[in-house]
C-alpha atoms as a PDB file:
ATOM      1  CA  UNK A   1     -50.638 -14.760 -16.758  1.00  0.00           C
ATOM      2  CA  UNK A   2     -51.680 -15.951 -13.142  1.00  0.00           C
ATOM      3  CA  UNK A   3     -53.836 -14.476 -10.782  1.00  0.00           C
ATOM      4  CA  UNK A   4     -51.967 -13.546  -6.957  1.00  0.00           C
ATOM      5  CA  UNK A   5     -53.943 -11.871  -4.491  1.00  0.00           C
ATOM      6  CA  UNK A   6     -56.560 -10.899  -6.815  1.00  0.00           C
ATOM      7  CA  UNK A   7     -54.231  -9.000  -9.363  1.00  0.00           C
ATOM      8  CA  UNK A   8     -53.503  -9.987 -12.713  1.00  0.00           C
ATOM      9  CA  UNK A   9     -49.702 -11.000 -13.054  1.00  0.00           C
ATOM     10  CA  UNK A  10     -47.632 -11.096 -15.826  1.00  0.00           C
ATOM     11  CA  UNK A  11     -46.089 -14.653 -16.590  1.00  0.00           C
ATOM     12  CA  UNK A  12     -42.724 -13.150 -16.557  1.00  0.00           C
ATOM     13  CA  UNK A  13     -42.961 -11.557 -13.212  1.00  0.00           C
ATOM     14  CA  UNK A  14     -41.742 -14.341 -10.597  1.00  0.00           C
ATOM     15  CA  UNK A  15     -43.646 -15.321  -6.971  1.00  0.00           C
ATOM     16  CA  UNK A  16     -41.835 -13.544  -4.164  1.00  0.00           C
ATOM     17  CA  UNK A  17     -40.137 -16.190  -2.374  1.00  0.00           C
ATOM     18  CA  UNK A  18     -38.016 -16.894   0.878  1.00  0.00           C
ATOM     19  CA  UNK A  19     -34.507 -15.814   0.124  1.00  0.00           C
ATOM     20  CA  UNK A  20     -32.506 -19.479  -0.626  1.00  0.00           C
ATOM     21  CA  UNK A  21     -30.312 -17.608   2.812  1.00  0.00           C
ATOM     22  CA  UNK A  22     -30.644 -15.011   5.008  1.00  0.00           C
ATOM     23  CA  UNK A  23     -28.327 -12.281   3.240  1.00  0.00           C
ATOM     24  CA  UNK A  24     -29.641 -12.585   0.347  1.00  0.00           C
ATOM     25  CA  UNK A  25     -31.413  -9.956  -1.537  1.00  0.00           C
ATOM     26  CA  UNK A  26     -35.090  -9.636  -0.431  1.00  0.00           C
ATOM     27  CA  UNK A  27     -37.499  -7.378  -2.481  1.00  0.00           C
ATOM     28  CA  UNK A  28     -39.952  -7.790   0.062  1.00  0.00           C
ATOM     29  CA  UNK A  29     -37.603  -6.066   2.824  1.00  0.00           C
ATOM     30  CA  UNK A  30     -38.085  -2.701   3.909  1.00  0.00           C
ATOM     31  CA  UNK A  31     -34.447  -2.480   4.507  1.00  0.00           C
ATOM     32  CA  UNK A  32     -32.925  -1.305   1.165  1.00  0.00           C
ATOM     33  CA  UNK A  33     -30.143  -3.785  -0.484  1.00  0.00           C
ATOM     34  CA  UNK A  34     -28.229  -3.895  -3.412  1.00  0.00           C
ATOM     35  CA  UNK A  35     -29.658  -5.959  -5.942  1.00  0.00           C
ATOM     36  CA  UNK A  36     -27.914  -9.141  -7.588  1.00  0.00           C
ATOM     37  CA  UNK A  37     -26.421  -8.032 -10.860  1.00  0.00           C
ATOM     38  CA  UNK A  38     -28.528  -9.723 -14.051  1.00  0.00           C
ATOM     39  CA  UNK A  39     -27.447 -13.359 -13.936  1.00  0.00           C
ATOM     40  CA  UNK A  40     -25.873 -13.666 -10.933  1.00  0.00           C
ATOM     41  CA  UNK A  41     -27.185 -16.743  -8.487  1.00  0.00           C
ATOM     42  CA  UNK A  42     -27.103 -16.511  -4.886  1.00  0.00           C
ATOM     43  CA  UNK A  43     -24.186 -18.578  -4.490  1.00  0.00           C
ATOM     44  CA  UNK A  44     -22.031 -16.273  -6.750  1.00  0.00           C
ATOM     45  CA  UNK A  45     -23.393 -13.556  -4.524  1.00  0.00           C
ATOM     46  CA  UNK A  46     -22.336 -15.342  -1.170  1.00  0.00           C
ATOM     47  CA  UNK A  47     -18.909 -15.676  -2.346  1.00  0.00           C
ATOM     48  CA  UNK A  48     -18.442 -12.146  -3.406  1.00  0.00           C
ATOM     49  CA  UNK A  49     -20.238 -10.718  -0.168  1.00  0.00           C
ATOM     50  CA  UNK A  50     -17.778 -13.041   1.979  1.00  0.00           C
ATOM     51  CA  UNK A  51     -14.638 -11.794  -0.099  1.00  0.00           C
ATOM     52  CA  UNK A  52     -15.712  -8.271   0.990  1.00  0.00           C
ATOM     53  CA  UNK A  53     -16.047  -9.125   4.492  1.00  0.00           C
ATOM     54  CA  UNK A  54     -13.090 -10.956   4.594  1.00  0.00           C
ATOM     55  CA  UNK A  55     -11.036  -7.392   2.647  1.00  0.00           C
ATOM     56  CA  UNK A  56     -12.793  -5.508   5.563  1.00  0.00           C
ATOM     57  CA  UNK A  57     -11.737  -7.601   8.475  1.00  0.00           C
ATOM     58  CA  UNK A  58      -8.195  -7.299   6.872  1.00  0.00           C
ATOM     59  CA  UNK A  59      -8.328  -3.658   6.892  1.00  0.00           C
ATOM     60  CA  UNK A  60      -9.582  -3.563  10.056  1.00  0.00           C
ATOM     61  CA  UNK A  61      -6.993  -5.602  11.743  1.00  0.00           C
ATOM     62  CA  UNK A  62      -4.077  -3.868   9.666  1.00  0.00           C
ATOM     63  CA  UNK A  63      -5.048  -0.511  11.317  1.00  0.00           C
ATOM     64  CA  UNK A  64      -4.790  -2.169  14.724  1.00  0.00           C
ATOM     65  CA  UNK A  65      -1.401  -3.228  13.765  1.00  0.00           C
ATOM     66  CA  UNK A  66      -0.308   0.262  13.494  1.00  0.00           C
ATOM     67  CA  UNK A  67      -1.872   1.326  16.722  1.00  0.00           C
ATOM     68  CA  UNK A  68       0.722  -0.515  17.828  1.00  0.00           C
ATOM     69  CA  UNK A  69       2.935   1.713  20.087  1.00  0.00           C
ATOM     70  CA  UNK A  70       6.394   0.379  18.476  1.00  0.00           C
ATOM     71  CA  UNK A  71       5.109   1.235  14.905  1.00  0.00           C
ATOM     72  CA  UNK A  72       3.570   4.323  16.220  1.00  0.00           C
ATOM     73  CA  UNK A  73       7.165   5.377  17.484  1.00  0.00           C
ATOM     74  CA  UNK A  74       8.473   4.511  13.809  1.00  0.00           C
ATOM     75  CA  UNK A  75       5.416   6.383  12.152  1.00  0.00           C
ATOM     76  CA  UNK A  76       6.139   9.312  14.317  1.00  0.00           C
ATOM     77  CA  UNK A  77       9.849   9.391  12.928  1.00  0.00           C
ATOM     78  CA  UNK A  78       8.186   9.261   9.161  1.00  0.00           C
ATOM     79  CA  UNK A  79       6.138  12.330  10.005  1.00  0.00           C
ATOM     80  CA  UNK A  80       8.983  14.436  11.366  1.00  0.00           C
ATOM     81  CA  UNK A  81      10.421  13.901   7.992  1.00  0.00           C
ATOM     82  CA  UNK A  82       7.953  14.761   6.195  1.00  0.00           C
ATOM     83  CA  UNK A  83       7.498  18.032   8.453  1.00  0.00           C
ATOM     84  CA  UNK A  84      11.378  18.975   7.742  1.00  0.00           C
ATOM     85  CA  UNK A  85      10.516  18.753   4.179  1.00  0.00           C
ATOM     86  CA  UNK A  86       7.431  21.543   4.056  1.00  0.00           C
ATOM     87  CA  UNK A  87      10.231  23.484   5.789  1.00  0.00           C
ATOM     88  CA  UNK A  88      12.893  22.804   3.364  1.00  0.00           C
ATOM     89  CA  UNK A  89      10.446  23.370   0.471  1.00  0.00           C
ATOM     90  CA  UNK A  90       9.892  27.248   2.052  1.00  0.00           C
ATOM     91  CA  UNK A  91      13.686  27.812   2.116  1.00  0.00           C
ATOM     92  CA  UNK A  92      13.650  26.655  -1.453  1.00  0.00           C
ATOM     93  CA  UNK A  93      11.622  29.427  -2.303  1.00  0.00           C
ATOM     94  CA  UNK A  94      13.711  32.014  -0.336  1.00  0.00           C
ATOM     95  CA  UNK A  95      17.569  30.371  -1.772  1.00  0.00           C
ATOM     96  CA  UNK A  96      15.207  31.425  -5.356  1.00  0.00           C
ATOM     97  CA  UNK A  97      15.319  35.198  -4.529  1.00  0.00           C
ATOM     98  CA  UNK A  98      17.909  35.663  -2.742  1.00  0.00           C
ATOM     99  CA  UNK A  99      20.527  34.072  -5.119  1.00  0.00           C
ATOM    100  CA  UNK A 100      18.564  34.257  -8.109  1.00  0.00           C
ATOM    101  CA  UNK A 101      21.578  36.391  -9.965  1.00  0.00           C
ATOM    102  CA  UNK A 102      24.267  34.503  -8.150  1.00  0.00           C
ATOM    103  CA  UNK A 103      24.854  30.757  -9.923  1.00  0.00           C
ATOM    104  CA  UNK A 104      28.071  29.916  -7.685  1.00  0.00           C
ATOM    105  CA  UNK A 105      26.410  31.062  -4.052  1.00  0.00           C
ATOM    106  CA  UNK A 106      22.784  29.248  -6.079  1.00  0.00           C
ATOM    107  CA  UNK A 107      25.480  26.063  -6.337  1.00  0.00           C
ATOM    108  CA  UNK A 108      26.898  26.071  -2.790  1.00  0.00           C
ATOM    109  CA  UNK A 109      23.150  26.573  -1.181  1.00  0.00           C
ATOM    110  CA  UNK A 110      21.932  23.643  -3.322  1.00  0.00           C
ATOM    111  CA  UNK A 111      24.855  21.466  -2.071  1.00  0.00           C
ATOM    112  CA  UNK A 112      23.519  21.677   1.455  1.00  0.00           C
ATOM    113  CA  UNK A 113      20.012  21.340   0.400  1.00  0.00           C
ATOM    114  CA  UNK A 114      20.870  17.902  -1.507  1.00  0.00           C
ATOM    115  CA  UNK A 115      22.551  16.842   1.847  1.00  0.00           C
ATOM    116  CA  UNK A 116      19.700  17.453   4.208  1.00  0.00           C
ATOM    117  CA  UNK A 117      17.235  15.542   1.347  1.00  0.00           C
ATOM    118  CA  UNK A 118      20.096  12.673   1.319  1.00  0.00           C
ATOM    119  CA  UNK A 119      19.555  12.424   5.465  1.00  0.00           C
ATOM    120  CA  UNK A 120      15.938  12.714   5.446  1.00  0.00           C
ATOM    121  CA  UNK A 121      15.784  10.570   3.389  1.00  0.00           C
ATOM    122  CA  UNK A 122      18.157   8.025   5.200  1.00  0.00           C
ATOM    123  CA  UNK A 123      16.111   8.613   8.421  1.00  0.00           C
ATOM    124  CA  UNK A 124      12.758   7.800   6.314  1.00  0.00           C
ATOM    125  CA  UNK A 125      14.455   4.623   5.356  1.00  0.00           C
ATOM    126  CA  UNK A 126      15.682   4.200   8.605  1.00  0.00           C
ATOM    127  CA  UNK A 127      12.027   4.170   9.964  1.00  0.00           C
ATOM    128  CA  UNK A 128      10.747   2.223   7.281  1.00  0.00           C
ATOM    129  CA  UNK A 129      12.884  -0.616   7.717  1.00  0.00           C
ATOM    130  CA  UNK A 130      11.778  -0.544  11.506  1.00  0.00           C
ATOM    131  CA  UNK A 131       8.434  -0.919  10.985  1.00  0.00           C
ATOM    132  CA  UNK A 132       9.609  -3.809   8.744  1.00  0.00           C
ATOM    133  CA  UNK A 133      11.242  -5.276  11.506  1.00  0.00           C
ATOM    134  CA  UNK A 134       7.961  -4.847  13.609  1.00  0.00           C
ATOM    135  CA  UNK A 135       5.697  -6.394  11.305  1.00  0.00           C
ATOM    136  CA  UNK A 136       5.895  -9.632  12.529  1.00  0.00           C
ATOM    137  CA  UNK A 137       5.979  -9.437  16.141  1.00  0.00           C
ATOM    138  CA  UNK A 138       2.894  -6.624  16.016  1.00  0.00           C
ATOM    139  CA  UNK A 139       0.916  -8.714  13.639  1.00  0.00           C
ATOM    140  CA  UNK A 140       0.734 -11.569  16.436  1.00  0.00           C
ATOM    141  CA  UNK A 141      -0.197  -9.071  18.873  1.00  0.00           C
ATOM    142  CA  UNK A 142      -3.266  -8.877  16.450  1.00  0.00           C
ATOM    143  CA  UNK A 143      -3.835 -12.459  15.211  1.00  0.00           C
ATOM    144  CA  UNK A 144      -1.534 -15.493  17.126  1.00  0.00           C
ATOM    145  CA  UNK A 145       1.149 -16.896  14.336  1.00  0.00           C
ATOM    146  CA  UNK A 146       0.785 -20.585  13.692  1.00  0.00           C
ATOM    147  CA  UNK A 147       2.019 -22.825  16.624  1.00  0.00           C
ATOM    148  CA  UNK A 148       5.258 -23.832  14.404  1.00  0.00           C
ATOM    149  CA  UNK A 149       6.744 -20.553  14.404  1.00  0.00           C
ATOM    150  CA  UNK A 150       8.002 -19.158  17.670  1.00  0.00           C
ATOM    151  CA  UNK A 151       6.242 -16.215  19.012  1.00  0.00           C
ATOM    152  CA  UNK A 152       9.202 -14.237  19.471  1.00  0.00           C
ATOM    153  CA  UNK A 153      10.166 -14.933  16.215  1.00  0.00           C
ATOM    154  CA  UNK A 154      10.804 -11.115  14.887  1.00  0.00           C
ATOM    155  CA  UNK A 155      14.028 -11.854  12.273  1.00  0.00           C
ATOM    156  CA  UNK A 156      13.915 -10.936   8.905  1.00  0.00           C
ATOM    157  CA  UNK A 157      14.215 -14.316   7.937  1.00  0.00           C
ATOM    158  CA  UNK A 158      11.473 -15.814  10.424  1.00  0.00           C
ATOM    159  CA  UNK A 159       9.172 -12.958   8.691  1.00  0.00           C
ATOM    160  CA  UNK A 160       9.915 -13.265   4.618  1.00  0.00           C
ATOM    161  CA  UNK A 161       9.357 -17.074   5.931  1.00  0.00           C
ATOM    162  CA  UNK A 162       6.022 -16.324   7.367  1.00  0.00           C
ATOM    163  CA  UNK A 163       5.254 -13.419   4.017  1.00  0.00           C
ATOM    164  CA  UNK A 164       5.743 -16.307   1.652  1.00  0.00           C
ATOM    165  CA  UNK A 165       3.816 -18.396   3.031  1.00  0.00           C
ATOM    166  CA  UNK A 166       1.143 -16.167   2.963  1.00  0.00           C
ATOM    167  CA  UNK A 167       1.754 -15.635  -0.500  1.00  0.00           C
ATOM    168  CA  UNK A 168       0.961 -19.176  -1.346  1.00  0.00           C
ATOM    169  CA  UNK A 169      -2.340 -18.811   1.179  1.00  0.00           C
ATOM    170  CA  UNK A 170      -3.302 -16.200  -1.183  1.00  0.00           C
ATOM    171  CA  UNK A 171      -3.123 -18.017  -4.414  1.00  0.00           C
ATOM    172  CA  UNK A 172      -4.839 -20.757  -2.631  1.00  0.00           C
ATOM    173  CA  UNK A 173      -7.658 -18.444  -1.970  1.00  0.00           C
ATOM    174  CA  UNK A 174      -7.666 -17.494  -5.511  1.00  0.00           C
ATOM    175  CA  UNK A 175      -7.796 -20.768  -6.449  1.00  0.00           C
ATOM    176  CA  UNK A 176     -10.279 -21.560  -4.529  1.00  0.00           C
ATOM    177  CA  UNK A 177     -12.664 -18.081  -5.355  1.00  0.00           C
ATOM    178  CA  UNK A 178     -12.145 -19.216  -8.830  1.00  0.00           C
ATOM    179  CA  UNK A 179     -13.520 -22.806  -8.497  1.00  0.00           C
ATOM    180  CA  UNK A 180     -16.777 -21.577  -6.120  1.00  0.00           C
ATOM    181  CA  UNK A 181     -17.578 -19.524  -9.059  1.00  0.00           C
ATOM    182  CA  UNK A 182     -17.458 -22.226 -11.792  1.00  0.00           C
ATOM    183  CA  UNK A 183     -19.644 -24.967  -9.599  1.00  0.00           C
ATOM    184  CA  UNK A 184     -21.726 -22.398  -8.662  1.00  0.00           C
ATOM    185  CA  UNK A 185     -22.597 -22.001 -12.545  1.00  0.00           C
ATOM    186  CA  UNK A 186     -22.776 -25.379 -12.888  1.00  0.00           C
ATOM    187  CA  UNK A 187     -23.427 -27.407  -9.955  1.00  0.00           C
ATOM    188  CA  UNK A 188     -27.196 -29.039 -10.381  1.00  0.00           C
ATOM    189  CA  UNK A 189     -27.375 -29.192  -6.251  1.00  0.00           C
ATOM    190  CA  UNK A 190     -29.784 -27.662  -4.314  1.00  0.00           C
ATOM    191  CA  UNK A 191     -29.788 -24.106  -3.445  1.00  0.00           C
ATOM    192  CA  UNK A 192     -28.774 -24.784   0.409  1.00  0.00           C
ATOM    193  CA  UNK A 193     -26.588 -27.349  -0.172  1.00  0.00           C
ATOM    194  CA  UNK A 194     -24.405 -25.525  -2.796  1.00  0.00           C
ATOM    195  CA  UNK A 195     -24.413 -22.046  -0.486  1.00  0.00           C
ATOM    196  CA  UNK A 196     -23.022 -24.430   2.170  1.00  0.00           C
ATOM    197  CA  UNK A 197     -19.972 -25.626  -0.449  1.00  0.00           C
ATOM    198  CA  UNK A 198     -19.190 -22.403  -0.996  1.00  0.00           C
ATOM    199  CA  UNK A 199     -19.498 -20.596   2.568  1.00  0.00           C
ATOM    200  CA  UNK A 200     -16.540 -23.592   2.942  1.00  0.00           C
ATOM    201  CA  UNK A 201     -14.128 -21.864   1.062  1.00  0.00           C
ATOM    202  CA  UNK A 202     -14.587 -18.446   2.940  1.00  0.00           C
ATOM    203  CA  UNK A 203     -15.067 -19.551   6.115  1.00  0.00           C
ATOM    204  CA  UNK A 204     -11.556 -19.064   8.234  1.00  0.00           C
ATOM    205  CA  UNK A 205     -10.871 -15.552   9.356  1.00  0.00           C
ATOM    206  CA  UNK A 206      -7.764 -13.438   8.896  1.00  0.00           C
ATOM    207  CA  UNK A 207      -4.473 -15.476   9.503  1.00  0.00           C
ATOM    208  CA  UNK A 208      -1.144 -14.028  10.737  1.00  0.00           C
ATOM    209  CA  UNK A 209       0.711 -14.774   7.566  1.00  0.00           C
ATOM    210  CA  UNK A 210      -1.788 -12.921   5.491  1.00  0.00           C
ATOM    211  CA  UNK A 211      -2.048 -10.204   7.757  1.00  0.00           C
ATOM    212  CA  UNK A 212       1.910  -9.839   7.860  1.00  0.00           C
ATOM    213  CA  UNK A 213       1.969  -9.453   4.183  1.00  0.00           C
ATOM    214  CA  UNK A 214      -0.853  -6.722   4.206  1.00  0.00           C
ATOM    215  CA  UNK A 215       0.938  -4.756   7.136  1.00  0.00           C
ATOM    216  CA  UNK A 216       4.182  -4.560   4.991  1.00  0.00           C
ATOM    217  CA  UNK A 217       2.377  -3.648   1.192  1.00  0.00           C
ATOM    218  CA  UNK A 218       1.193  -0.842   3.316  1.00  0.00           C
ATOM    219  CA  UNK A 219       4.890   0.107   4.257  1.00  0.00           C
ATOM    220  CA  UNK A 220       6.086  -0.257   1.107  1.00  0.00           C
ATOM    221  CA  UNK A 221       2.932   1.743  -0.643  1.00  0.00           C
ATOM    222  CA  UNK A 222       4.012   4.637   1.945  1.00  0.00           C
ATOM    223  CA  UNK A 223       7.509   4.559   1.464  1.00  0.00           C
ATOM    224  CA  UNK A 224       6.936   5.034  -2.483  1.00  0.00           C
ATOM    225  CA  UNK A 225       4.753   7.886  -1.641  1.00  0.00           C
ATOM    226  CA  UNK A 226       7.710   9.426  -0.019  1.00  0.00           C
ATOM    227  CA  UNK A 227      10.026   8.901  -2.910  1.00  0.00           C
ATOM    228  CA  UNK A 228       7.525  10.294  -5.195  1.00  0.00           C
ATOM    229  CA  UNK A 229       7.401  13.496  -2.646  1.00  0.00           C
ATOM    230  CA  UNK A 230      10.983  13.306  -3.103  1.00  0.00           C
ATOM    231  CA  UNK A 231      10.872  13.651  -6.834  1.00  0.00           C
ATOM    232  CA  UNK A 232       8.518  16.597  -6.778  1.00  0.00           C
ATOM    233  CA  UNK A 233      10.852  18.674  -4.586  1.00  0.00           C
ATOM    234  CA  UNK A 234      13.729  18.061  -7.091  1.00  0.00           C
ATOM    235  CA  UNK A 235      11.865  18.615 -10.237  1.00  0.00           C
ATOM    236  CA  UNK A 236      11.156  22.203  -8.357  1.00  0.00           C
ATOM    237  CA  UNK A 237      14.538  22.793  -8.100  1.00  0.00           C
ATOM    238  CA  UNK A 238      15.819  21.367 -11.704  1.00  0.00           C
ATOM    239  CA  UNK A 239      13.074  23.688 -12.866  1.00  0.00           C
ATOM    240  CA  UNK A 240      13.919  26.806 -10.433  1.00  0.00           C
ATOM    241  CA  UNK A 241      16.924  27.712  -9.344  1.00  0.00           C
ATOM    242  CA  UNK A 242      19.510  24.681 -11.180  1.00  0.00           C
ATOM    243  CA  UNK A 243      18.338  24.806 -14.873  1.00  0.00           C
ATOM    244  CA  UNK A 244      18.786  28.481 -14.691  1.00  0.00           C
ATOM    245  CA  UNK A 245      21.932  28.257 -12.590  1.00  0.00           C
ATOM    246  CA  UNK A 246      23.367  26.657 -15.305  1.00  0.00           C
ATOM    247  CA  UNK A 247      22.911  28.814 -17.626  1.00  0.00           C
ATOM    248  CA  UNK A 248      23.771  32.215 -16.162  1.00  0.00           C
ATOM    249  CA  UNK A 249      27.474  30.096 -15.500  1.00  0.00           C
ATOM    250  CA  UNK A 250      28.188  29.440 -18.941  1.00  0.00           C
ATOM    251  CA  UNK A 251      27.530  33.141 -19.806  1.00  0.00           C
ATOM    252  CA  UNK A 252      30.612  34.013 -17.209  1.00  0.00           C
ATOM    253  CA  UNK A 253      33.944  33.526 -17.567  1.00  0.00           C
ATOM    254  CA  UNK A 254      35.497  30.335 -16.679  1.00  0.00           C
ATOM    255  CA  UNK A 255      36.333  30.256 -12.900  1.00  0.00           C
ATOM    256  CA  UNK A 256      37.924  27.209 -11.063  1.00  0.00           C
ATOM    257  CA  UNK A 257      36.640  27.916  -7.608  1.00  0.00           C
ATOM    258  CA  UNK A 258      32.894  28.009  -9.525  1.00  0.00           C
ATOM    259  CA  UNK A 259      33.471  24.875 -11.334  1.00  0.00           C
ATOM    260  CA  UNK A 260      34.293  23.198  -7.900  1.00  0.00           C
ATOM    261  CA  UNK A 261      31.601  24.429  -6.370  1.00  0.00           C
ATOM    262  CA  UNK A 262      29.431  23.309  -9.259  1.00  0.00           C
ATOM    263  CA  UNK A 263      31.218  19.714  -9.246  1.00  0.00           C
ATOM    264  CA  UNK A 264      30.766  19.455  -4.895  1.00  0.00           C
ATOM    265  CA  UNK A 265      26.936  20.114  -5.884  1.00  0.00           C
ATOM    266  CA  UNK A 266      26.036  17.686  -8.895  1.00  0.00           C
ATOM    267  CA  UNK A 267      28.377  14.654  -6.646  1.00  0.00           C
ATOM    268  CA  UNK A 268      26.026  15.557  -3.726  1.00  0.00           C
ATOM    269  CA  UNK A 269      22.560  15.403  -5.930  1.00  0.00           C
ATOM    270  CA  UNK A 270      24.026  12.424  -7.734  1.00  0.00           C
ATOM    271  CA  UNK A 271      24.141  10.422  -4.800  1.00  0.00           C
ATOM    272  CA  UNK A 272      20.524  11.554  -3.850  1.00  0.00           C
ATOM    273  CA  UNK A 273      19.188  10.345  -6.790  1.00  0.00           C
ATOM    274  CA  UNK A 274      21.080   7.108  -6.634  1.00  0.00           C
ATOM    275  CA  UNK A 275      19.813   6.466  -3.420  1.00  0.00           C
ATOM    276  CA  UNK A 276      16.224   7.525  -4.182  1.00  0.00           C
ATOM    277  CA  UNK A 277      16.590   4.691  -6.980  1.00  0.00           C
ATOM    278  CA  UNK A 278      17.886   2.077  -4.977  1.00  0.00           C
ATOM    279  CA  UNK A 279      14.839   2.586  -2.077  1.00  0.00           C
ATOM    280  CA  UNK A 280      12.336   2.750  -4.740  1.00  0.00           C
ATOM    281  CA  UNK A 281      13.590  -0.282  -6.475  1.00  0.00           C
ATOM    282  CA  UNK A 282      13.688  -2.609  -3.820  1.00  0.00           C
ATOM    283  CA  UNK A 283      10.121  -1.082  -2.555  1.00  0.00           C
ATOM    284  CA  UNK A 284       8.559  -1.801  -6.058  1.00  0.00           C
ATOM    285  CA  UNK A 285       9.854  -5.218  -5.404  1.00  0.00           C
ATOM    286  CA  UNK A 286       8.214  -5.637  -2.262  1.00  0.00           C
ATOM    287  CA  UNK A 287       5.384  -4.732  -2.918  1.00  0.00           C
ATOM    288  CA  UNK A 288       4.992  -6.731  -6.056  1.00  0.00           C
ATOM    289  CA  UNK A 289       5.570  -9.820  -4.236  1.00  0.00           C
ATOM    290  CA  UNK A 290       3.139  -8.853  -1.196  1.00  0.00           C
ATOM    291  CA  UNK A 291       5.800  -7.433   0.621  1.00  0.00           C
ATOM    292  CA  UNK A 292       7.970 -10.615   0.789  1.00  0.00           C
ATOM    293  CA  UNK A 293      10.940  -8.902  -0.358  1.00  0.00           C
ATOM    294  CA  UNK A 294      12.087  -5.540   0.953  1.00  0.00           C
ATOM    295  CA  UNK A 295      15.686  -4.956   0.841  1.00  0.00           C
ATOM    296  CA  UNK A 296      16.086  -1.654   2.413  1.00  0.00           C
ATOM    297  CA  UNK A 297      19.076  -2.344   4.765  1.00  0.00           C
ATOM    298  CA  UNK A 298      21.000   1.154   5.368  1.00  0.00           C
END
């Protein structure tokens, strides 16, 4: 035990001292701050804080990219497509009641529905491609690209090259962070010197390459969400309308005209599912590769 200002203090209670760095949690500070995790060093805390600040900065810049007028115009196109889908869902409820006992007319109506869904998918796909094409130049208006990349380079090849560099840089950044964690636990240098070394790994701000990759990831995720919405609509059609119509058709006498109507419907449905699968595959590839390979050409 030791005496601290006239009070007996446990030997296991450290005296309050000045924090090793300005942002470190200070028990004496009036402001509420998150405590360090048990066993976490100041150096490791600083690494996490810098990484978190970097991520916040990246998200803020991504938001600015999507505020670009051309990007917003493409986003408006996507919103209009989603509004069409909402109206289509209401229309499906009417068709379900109207043709509940007429499989031939139900199939004919669904043929047109599948054509409308194909058109909606194509429009959304075009808007997504438009945003992908704009991602390079729109990002350049927020963060300047490297000097060796032409300011007007907006082609897909140039954008993919830049995004590939961003992927490599992200890997290097992760390696630097891991090395910093390890060195923070084992280094024997003074706290001030160790902190300076830790800060060096995250001293830079968001780069243009990194921003392009983040923007493309967001575009890809939105595309995958749209595919999910389409799947939900098809699931409703299959359960509430298509399956009952097929069962009713089987109970009726063979009818060549009805068979042709169902064949035309199945053809449209097959094409729709194929286009959805192709777009989903390409988008998943793009998201998995940090938005660098999004082959969504029409």
